[in-house]
Amino acid sequence: MKQIKEYRPAIAAFLCMIATAFTTTALSFFVVPVCTELGFGRGSFSLYYSFLTIAGAFANTFLGQIVGKKGVRPLALFSGVWVCVCLFLFSFSNALWMFFGSGFLLGIISSNFAIMASNTLVQQSYPEKKAASLLGVVMAGSGVGGVMVSLVLPTFLENIGWRMGYRLLGISWLVVFWLAALVMGKAQKLERHSGNGAAAAGLTKAEAMKDVRMYLMMLCSGILAAACSVQQQIPSILSGHEISAAMVSMMMSAMTAMLAIGKIILGFVYSKIGVRNGGCIAIACFAFGLLAIQMKSMAFVGLILIAVGIGAYSTLLPMATRTVFGTKDYPAIWGILATASSVGSVVLGPVWGMVYDSTGSYSLALILAAALLGFMILALIRIFRKQ
């Protein structure tokens, strides 16, 4: 029983990560049925996700401050209701502005909070090495949720329609988050714990904002998020090598599996050789993967290396934040870094398509992204210099 109690925060965090698929992977299945029934263009309809992303970018800082003061549990209970209501609003929408408004409200607290909650639960409940090992397993929960959604939701949408589908997702989020709140327990005052019973150590948010390492971390967060947005272009890149659709599907399935496995592996790597060394290796793999995928003979290898790099997004940044700034004001500091990540994705993410439209190839964008990741490695070395 004592061991079960010890792992309650990690179990709760894993449940939160499963739920992220309900407002990420799951929403992609609604584009065709909604646009078909209501007559929207797919591009116009998909703009709601931009509103969702922008809302999340602005909300992250405030969510971090609330979590730092109140703990994860109260906001987890609130999130269950908020997201459920927002998804029900989607189900009653008939015009684009209604979807845009619902998307903005959903973006305030949904997958962005789920990721923050998971990171906070792990980082402020366990010693650093144990947190590194557990974080990879916890973050793999998003892959588990994605597989569950991909297997179940399409059939449900065919049988019950997209409106009931949104409501099903809303109820699912409510159940999972309230279950997570129950598992983590009432006594989860995270800002008072460092994971080993001692008072939380580290910098406050105000102190961190005066540290040059904070701004380097923000830059790294934006670069990594922008590089990760290549995932949306990979099927097009592979098709450009004249690889068959069936083979592209198989390769993407392998990449999805590696995304989950890679996070677990990275967690153990951080615990064995340190966050700095493990992080530099992961980012180097990402950069080499972006270069390798440009060659047909190396495409599969590149795909696997990219999957490892994308896994670093949800494992390296949380661990680096904890290692550099401590657990004292972790949620508030992480909220700022998450905002920088969203900005990087929104600002630089569209560059992939723009470069292709201008040159007819993704090569220039892939080389530029690899170069930025190389700069990120240098920034990480500087960030950890004082450690």
Foldseek 3Di string as FASTA:
>chain_A
DVVLLLCLLLVLLLLLLLLLCLVPVLVVLVLVQLCVVLVDDSVLLVCLLVLLLVLLLVQLLVLLVCCLQPNLLVVLLVLLQQLLVLLLQVLVDRDSVSSSVSSNSNSNDGSSSSLLSSLLSLQLAAPQLVSLLSLLLSNLSNLVSSVVSVVPVVVVCVVPNVSVSSNVSSNVSNVSSNVSSVSNDDPRNRLQGRNPPHGWDFDAPVVLVVDPLLVLLLLLLLLLLLLLLCLVVLLVLLVVVVDDPVVSVVLVVVLSVLLSVLSNVLSNVCSPPHLLVSVLVLLLLLLVLLVQCNDNVRVSSSSSSVSNSNSCSSNNSSSLLCVQGTSNSSSSSVSNSVSSNSVSCVPNNCVQVVVCVVPVDSNVVSNVSSVSSVVSSVSSCVSPVVD
